[in-house]
Amino acid sequence: MKIVSHTLEQIAGIEIYPIISLLLFFIFFIVVGFMVLTADKEHMEEMKNLPLDKHTDLHDENHLT
């Protein structure tokens, strides 16, 4: 482990990569959370009930099986 830490200490500017990774993670998490909170509730309800809908035709007429 000493070899790895010594090698990483020798790379100039390496300390910025963990900061960038953390920022990308939090930005992604915030964007996904915002999308979930602002999603259309009617569309979500329709998607939630889709597997239970008996009137949904699972086979398309143009799909050959």
Protein backbone atom coordinates (compact mmCIF):
# COMPACT_ATOMS: atom_id res chain seq x y z
CA MET A 1 0.00 0.00 0.00
CA LYS A 2 2.97 2.26 0.60
CA ILE A 3 3.97 1.93 -3.04
CA VAL A 4 0.53 3.03 -4.23
CA SER A 5 0.31 6.03 -1.92
CA HIS A 6 3.87 7.08 -2.78
CA THR A 7 3.12 6.83 -6.51
CA LEU A 8 -0.09 8.83 -6.17
CA GLU A 9 1.70 11.53 -4.19
CA GLN A 10 4.09 12.03 -7.09
CA ILE A 11 1.33 12.84 -9.62
CA ALA A 12 0.83 16.58 -9.95
CA GLY A 13 -2.79 17.71 -9.57
CA ILE A 14 -4.10 14.33 -8.40
CA GLU A 15 -5.91 15.84 -5.40
CA ILE A 16 -8.56 17.40 -7.65
CA TYR A 17 -9.96 14.05 -8.89
CA PRO A 18 -11.68 12.97 -5.65
CA ILE A 19 -13.24 16.43 -5.35
CA ILE A 20 -14.53 16.29 -8.92
CA SER A 21 -15.91 12.77 -8.35
CA LEU A 22 -17.74 13.85 -5.21
CA LEU A 23 -19.19 16.90 -6.95
CA LEU A 24 -20.38 14.82 -9.91
CA PHE A 25 -22.03 12.34 -7.56
CA PHE A 26 -23.91 15.04 -5.64
CA ILE A 27 -24.92 16.92 -8.81
CA PHE A 28 -26.27 13.69 -10.31
CA PHE A 29 -28.11 12.86 -7.07
CA ILE A 30 -29.67 16.34 -6.92
CA VAL A 31 -30.74 16.26 -10.59
CA VAL A 32 -32.36 12.81 -10.23
CA GLY A 33 -34.10 13.91 -7.03
CA PHE A 34 -35.39 17.05 -8.74
CA MET A 35 -36.68 15.00 -11.70
CA VAL A 36 -38.49 12.60 -9.37
CA LEU A 37 -40.10 15.40 -7.37
CA THR A 38 -41.23 17.33 -10.45
CA ALA A 39 -42.41 14.32 -12.48
CA ASP A 40 -45.95 14.25 -13.83
CA LYS A 41 -48.05 12.50 -11.17
CA GLU A 42 -50.64 11.21 -13.67
CA HIS A 43 -47.93 9.60 -15.79
CA MET A 44 -46.39 8.00 -12.70
CA GLU A 45 -49.77 6.63 -11.63
CA GLU A 46 -50.34 5.22 -15.14
CA MET A 47 -46.90 3.56 -15.17
CA LYS A 48 -47.46 2.19 -11.65
CA ASN A 49 -50.74 0.52 -12.65
CA LEU A 50 -49.55 -0.70 -16.05
CA PRO A 51 -48.57 -4.24 -14.92
CA LEU A 52 -52.00 -4.66 -13.29
CA ASP A 53 -54.01 -3.36 -16.24
CA LYS A 54 -55.93 -6.24 -17.80
CA HIS A 55 -56.88 -4.20 -20.85
CA THR A 56 -53.30 -3.81 -22.03
CA ASP A 57 -52.52 -5.93 -25.07
CA LEU A 58 -49.04 -7.33 -24.61
CA HIS A 59 -48.69 -8.47 -28.22
CA ASP A 60 -48.52 -5.90 -30.95
CA GLU A 61 -50.23 -6.88 -34.20
CA ASN A 62 -47.12 -5.97 -36.17
CA HIS A 63 -44.81 -7.98 -33.90
CA LEU A 64 -44.15 -11.48 -35.17
CA THR A 65 -43.69 -14.14 -32.49
